[in-house]
Amino acid sequence: MKTSSSNISRIKPSHYRAIFISDVHLGHAGCSANFLLDFLRSTSCDYLYLVGDIIDVWQMKKKLHWPQAHSDVLRTILGKAKHGTKIIYVPGNHDELFRTYVTIQLGNLQIQKKFVHVSKNGQRFLVMHGDEFDAIVSSSRAVALLGGSLYNVLLKMNVLVNFIRSKLDFPYWSLAKMLKNQVKQAVNYISNFETALSYTAEQNRVDGIVSGHIHNAEIRRINDIIYCNCGDWVESCTALVETNDGDLEILHWTEEQSSLKKFRLDEVA
């Protein structure tokens, strides 16, 4: 299986065998719903995997933020299911409420705690959000929520920074991602997270693993395992896709769809 990052702008809607998205955080002011909506309307697929933290229930309990674009995202996803796309929803820690409904199937939409995706060439990928491997989230919810509060501030700053950049005709840029890459502890955490997931894939006797949670899009081999992370739609606006030939790619939608440059100040509040 080939793996690559794609930076090619697409004018016509593109069809993929499978699309994996995670960490959308609908209901959060930092969610880049307009970019995601543009992506969903510009692509089609046989399988759509929602790999956790699609709706940010944690944040909504503190403050409700739900502009029209967030409703449009859900409507578009359900529309794909109505027209034949098989949708597998694997809840994460921010939308863990929906884990109560695991194994429920509604038409072409099903909810699973984890799922095995079989690629066109027969390789098996374990799909799970990944918060189970986050020692902070697992052992101390209070600490996790405190860290989340600080992260929320960064995300709001990110929206404001990109509003200004769009006015100056500069491309999208992630403040939160830049800071995270500069912090040694965060880099070490990401490395440990990836190693833990690859070990789990080995134990489950699969060829690879697809996760979310850490907001760091990636495709790479760890020993004999193909480790994949979808990224997110608050910082980097990325998706993992399987092409019709069975290859894996990471799409960076803010780079591929440069026509969408509008950032609204009402999304900061």
Protein backbone atom coordinates (compact mmCIF):
# COMPACT_ATOMS: atom_id res chain seq x y z
CA MET A 1 0.00 0.00 0.00
CA LYS A 2 1.34 3.43 -0.95
CA THR A 3 1.15 6.24 1.58
CA SER A 4 1.51 9.92 0.78
CA SER A 5 0.41 13.44 1.66
CA SER A 6 -1.53 15.22 -1.07
CA ASN A 7 -1.46 18.97 -1.74
CA ILE A 8 -3.28 18.96 -5.08
CA SER A 9 -6.23 21.34 -5.36
CA ARG A 10 -9.37 19.64 -6.61
CA ILE A 11 -12.00 21.52 -8.59
CA LYS A 12 -14.37 18.64 -9.33
CA PRO A 13 -15.86 16.55 -6.49
CA SER A 14 -13.55 13.63 -5.71
CA HIS A 15 -14.65 10.11 -4.87
CA TYR A 16 -12.78 7.97 -2.35
CA ARG A 17 -13.28 4.42 -1.23
CA ALA A 18 -13.13 5.54 2.41
CA ILE A 19 -12.82 8.82 4.31
CA PHE A 20 -11.79 9.06 7.97
CA ILE A 21 -12.36 12.26 9.97
CA SER A 22 -12.00 12.89 13.69
CA ASP A 23 -11.95 15.64 16.30
CA VAL A 24 -14.43 17.93 14.60
CA HIS A 25 -15.67 19.37 17.93
CA LEU A 26 -19.04 20.62 16.74
CA GLY A 27 -20.45 22.85 19.47
CA HIS A 28 -17.06 24.42 20.12
CA ALA A 29 -16.16 27.93 18.95
CA GLY A 30 -12.85 26.64 17.60
CA CYS A 31 -14.48 24.19 15.17
CA SER A 32 -13.68 24.95 11.52
CA ALA A 33 -17.14 23.89 10.41
CA ASN A 34 -17.06 25.93 7.20
CA PHE A 35 -13.93 24.13 5.99
CA LEU A 36 -15.41 20.74 6.92
CA LEU A 37 -18.70 21.53 5.21
CA ASP A 38 -16.80 22.49 2.07
CA PHE A 39 -14.82 19.24 2.27
CA LEU A 40 -17.91 17.06 2.74
CA ARG A 41 -19.68 18.74 -0.19
CA SER A 42 -16.59 18.37 -2.40
CA THR A 43 -16.09 14.64 -1.79
CA SER A 44 -18.00 11.38 -1.85
CA CYS A 45 -17.11 7.93 -0.54
CA ASP A 46 -18.30 4.38 -0.01
CA TYR A 47 -17.35 4.42 3.68
CA LEU A 48 -17.25 7.42 6.01
CA TYR A 49 -15.62 6.88 9.40
CA LEU A 50 -16.30 9.38 12.19
CA VAL A 51 -13.39 8.62 14.51
CA GLY A 52 -14.50 10.37 17.70
CA ASP A 53 -15.01 13.83 19.18
CA ILE A 54 -17.40 14.77 16.40
CA ILE A 55 -19.66 16.66 18.83
CA ASP A 56 -17.98 18.35 21.79
CA VAL A 57 -20.44 17.47 24.54
CA TRP A 58 -17.91 18.51 27.23
CA GLN A 59 -17.78 22.07 25.87
CA MET A 60 -21.53 22.30 25.24
CA LYS A 61 -22.19 21.56 28.91
CA LYS A 62 -20.21 24.70 29.78
CA LYS A 63 -21.30 26.99 26.97
CA LEU A 64 -23.53 26.32 23.98
CA HIS A 65 -22.09 27.43 20.66
CA TRP A 66 -23.99 26.11 17.65
CA PRO A 67 -24.01 28.29 14.51
CA GLN A 68 -25.84 27.19 11.35
CA ALA A 69 -22.68 25.68 9.83
CA HIS A 70 -22.57 23.08 12.63
CA SER A 71 -26.11 21.95 11.82
CA ASP A 72 -25.23 21.90 8.12
CA VAL A 73 -22.31 19.53 8.81
CA LEU A 74 -24.61 17.01 10.53
CA ARG A 75 -27.24 17.39 7.83
CA THR A 76 -24.64 16.73 5.12
CA ILE A 77 -23.32 13.62 6.90
CA LEU A 78 -26.83 12.21 7.30
CA GLY A 79 -27.52 13.06 3.67
CA LYS A 80 -24.57 10.91 2.63
CA ALA A 81 -25.97 8.01 4.66
CA LYS A 82 -29.35 8.47 2.98
CA HIS A 83 -27.72 8.20 -0.44
CA GLY A 84 -25.81 4.99 0.26
CA THR A 85 -22.61 5.91 2.09
CA LYS A 86 -21.91 3.50 4.94
CA ILE A 87 -21.12 5.57 8.05
CA ILE A 88 -19.34 4.11 11.08
CA TYR A 89 -19.30 6.37 14.13
CA VAL A 90 -16.69 5.56 16.81
CA PRO A 91 -17.30 8.02 19.71
CA GLY A 92 -14.37 9.62 21.53
CA ASN A 93 -13.97 11.10 25.00
CA HIS A 94 -15.65 14.44 24.19
CA ASP A 95 -18.70 12.63 22.79
CA GLU A 96 -18.50 9.59 25.07
CA LEU A 97 -22.23 10.03 25.75
CA PHE A 98 -22.86 8.20 22.48
CA ARG A 99 -20.91 5.16 23.64
CA THR A 100 -24.13 4.23 25.44
CA TYR A 101 -25.58 3.46 22.00
CA VAL A 102 -22.73 1.25 20.74
CA THR A 103 -23.89 -1.49 18.29
CA ILE A 104 -27.02 0.52 17.36
CA GLN A 105 -27.58 0.74 13.60
CA LEU A 106 -29.84 3.33 11.96
CA GLY A 107 -30.01 2.62 8.25
CA ASN A 108 -26.51 3.14 6.86
CA LEU A 109 -25.22 4.63 10.12
CA GLN A 110 -23.87 2.46 12.91
CA ILE A 111 -22.18 3.26 16.22
CA GLN A 112 -19.24 1.12 17.33
CA LYS A 113 -16.67 1.32 20.14
CA LYS A 114 -14.05 0.17 17.62
CA PHE A 115 -14.21 -1.25 14.14
CA VAL A 116 -12.02 -3.11 11.66
CA HIS A 117 -11.85 -1.53 8.21
CA VAL A 118 -10.74 -3.78 5.36
CA SER A 119 -8.99 -1.91 2.55
CA LYS A 120 -9.37 -2.70 -1.13
CA ASN A 121 -6.17 -4.76 -1.08
CA GLY A 122 -7.29 -6.74 1.97
CA GLN A 123 -5.31 -5.00 4.70
CA ARG A 124 -7.12 -4.73 8.02
CA PHE A 125 -7.13 -1.50 10.03
CA LEU A 126 -8.37 -1.20 13.60
CA VAL A 127 -10.35 2.05 13.91
CA MET A 128 -10.60 3.63 17.37
CA HIS A 129 -10.50 7.15 18.80
CA GLY A 130 -7.49 6.56 21.05
CA ASP A 131 -8.42 8.33 24.29
CA GLU A 132 -8.11 4.97 26.04
CA PHE A 133 -4.34 5.44 25.79
CA ASP A 134 -4.29 8.93 27.23
CA ALA A 135 -3.20 8.43 30.86
CA ILE A 136 -4.38 11.92 31.84
CA VAL A 137 -7.89 11.45 30.46
CA SER A 138 -8.14 7.91 31.84
CA SER A 139 -6.91 8.64 35.36
CA SER A 140 -7.86 12.24 36.04
CA ARG A 141 -10.85 13.79 34.34
CA ALA A 142 -10.40 17.01 36.37
CA VAL A 143 -6.85 17.52 35.06
CA ALA A 144 -8.00 16.75 31.54
CA LEU A 145 -10.75 19.37 31.76
CA LEU A 146 -8.26 21.95 33.08
CA GLY A 147 -5.95 21.25 30.16
CA GLY A 148 -8.95 21.47 27.86
CA SER A 149 -9.79 24.93 29.18
CA LEU A 150 -6.30 26.20 28.34
CA TYR A 151 -6.53 24.58 24.93
CA ASN A 152 -9.89 26.28 24.32
CA VAL A 153 -8.22 29.67 24.78
CA LEU A 154 -5.64 28.74 22.13
CA LEU A 155 -8.35 27.65 19.72
CA LYS A 156 -10.23 30.92 20.09
CA MET A 157 -7.00 32.83 19.50
CA ASN A 158 -6.44 30.64 16.45
CA VAL A 159 -9.77 31.71 14.92
CA LEU A 160 -9.01 35.39 15.55
CA VAL A 161 -5.48 35.11 14.11
CA ASN A 162 -6.80 33.47 10.95
CA PHE A 163 -9.57 36.04 10.58
CA ILE A 164 -6.85 38.70 10.45
CA ARG A 165 -4.67 36.59 8.14
CA SER A 166 -7.58 36.09 5.73
CA LYS A 167 -8.08 39.87 5.56
CA LEU A 168 -4.40 40.20 4.63
CA ASP A 169 -4.82 37.41 2.05
CA PHE A 170 -2.48 35.09 3.98
CA PRO A 171 -3.13 31.31 4.03
CA TYR A 172 -4.60 29.44 6.99
CA TRP A 173 -2.14 28.79 9.82
CA SER A 174 -2.52 26.91 13.10
CA LEU A 175 -1.26 28.76 16.18
CA ALA A 176 -2.12 25.84 18.48
CA LYS A 177 -0.29 23.33 16.31
CA MET A 178 2.82 25.51 16.15
CA LEU A 179 2.96 25.87 19.94
CA LYS A 180 2.35 22.16 20.45
CA ASN A 181 5.23 21.26 18.12
CA GLN A 182 7.55 23.51 20.11
CA VAL A 183 6.83 21.89 23.47
CA LYS A 184 9.09 18.89 24.11
CA GLN A 185 6.63 17.24 26.51
CA ALA A 186 3.87 17.37 23.89
CA VAL A 187 6.18 15.89 21.25
CA ASN A 188 7.14 13.05 23.61
CA TYR A 189 3.48 12.41 24.42
CA ILE A 190 2.58 12.12 20.73
CA SER A 191 5.43 9.66 20.17
CA ASN A 192 4.37 7.51 23.14
CA PHE A 193 0.75 7.62 21.99
CA GLU A 194 1.66 6.41 18.51
CA THR A 195 3.83 3.63 19.90
CA ALA A 196 1.05 2.44 22.24
CA LEU A 197 -1.47 2.30 19.41
CA SER A 198 0.87 0.41 17.11
CA TYR A 199 1.42 -2.17 19.88
CA THR A 200 -2.36 -2.54 20.24
CA ALA A 201 -2.62 -3.15 16.50
CA GLU A 202 -0.02 -5.90 16.79
CA GLN A 203 -1.95 -7.49 19.66
CA ASN A 204 -5.14 -7.41 17.59
CA ARG A 205 -3.35 -9.03 14.64
CA VAL A 206 -4.24 -6.29 12.16
CA ASP A 207 -2.09 -4.55 9.56
CA GLY A 208 -2.67 -1.02 10.77
CA ILE A 209 -4.56 1.32 13.04
CA VAL A 210 -6.55 4.51 12.46
CA SER A 211 -7.11 6.93 15.35
CA GLY A 212 -7.75 10.54 16.26
CA HIS A 213 -7.59 12.28 19.64
CA ILE A 214 -4.16 13.94 19.51
CA HIS A 215 -4.91 16.33 16.60
CA ASN A 216 -1.79 15.27 14.70
CA ALA A 217 -2.40 13.88 11.21
CA GLU A 218 0.08 11.18 10.29
CA ILE A 219 0.73 8.11 8.17
CA ARG A 220 3.85 6.15 8.98
CA ARG A 221 5.14 2.67 9.67
CA ILE A 222 5.96 1.68 13.22
CA ASN A 223 7.67 -1.69 12.95
CA ASP A 224 5.26 -3.73 10.81
CA ILE A 225 2.19 -1.60 11.61
CA ILE A 226 0.78 1.21 9.45
CA TYR A 227 -0.08 3.93 11.96
CA CYS A 228 -2.64 6.51 10.78
CA ASN A 229 -4.14 9.53 12.49
CA CYS A 230 -6.94 11.58 10.92
CA GLY A 231 -5.88 14.89 12.47
CA ASP A 232 -8.69 17.30 13.28
CA TRP A 233 -10.99 20.10 12.15
CA VAL A 234 -10.03 22.75 14.71
CA GLU A 235 -6.30 23.17 14.00
CA SER A 236 -5.15 21.53 10.80
CA CYS A 237 -8.39 20.63 8.95
CA THR A 238 -7.21 17.24 7.74
CA ALA A 239 -8.76 13.95 6.67
CA LEU A 240 -7.36 10.49 6.05
CA VAL A 241 -8.62 8.92 2.83
CA GLU A 242 -8.32 5.60 1.06
CA THR A 243 -8.29 6.12 -2.70
CA ASN A 244 -10.12 3.91 -5.15
CA ASP A 245 -6.79 2.16 -5.78
CA GLY A 246 -6.39 1.34 -2.07
CA ASP A 247 -3.69 3.93 -1.33
CA LEU A 248 -3.76 6.06 1.84
CA GLU A 249 -3.41 9.84 1.78
CA ILE A 250 -3.78 12.74 4.19
CA LEU A 251 -5.69 15.68 2.74
CA HIS A 252 -4.91 19.14 4.15
CA TRP A 253 -8.10 20.88 3.17
CA THR A 254 -7.02 24.45 4.00
CA GLU A 255 -4.22 24.03 1.48
CA GLU A 256 -6.22 22.13 -1.12
CA GLN A 257 -9.26 24.38 -1.13
CA SER A 258 -7.74 27.86 -0.98
CA SER A 259 -10.94 29.46 -2.28
CA LEU A 260 -12.48 29.25 1.19
CA LYS A 261 -10.89 32.14 3.12
CA LYS A 262 -13.70 33.54 5.22
CA PHE A 263 -13.30 33.54 9.01
CA ARG A 264 -16.12 35.11 10.98
CA LEU A 265 -15.59 36.95 14.23
CA ASP A 266 -18.85 35.54 15.60
CA GLU A 267 -17.12 32.13 15.76
CA VAL A 268 -14.69 33.50 18.37
CA ALA A 269 -17.34 34.29 20.96
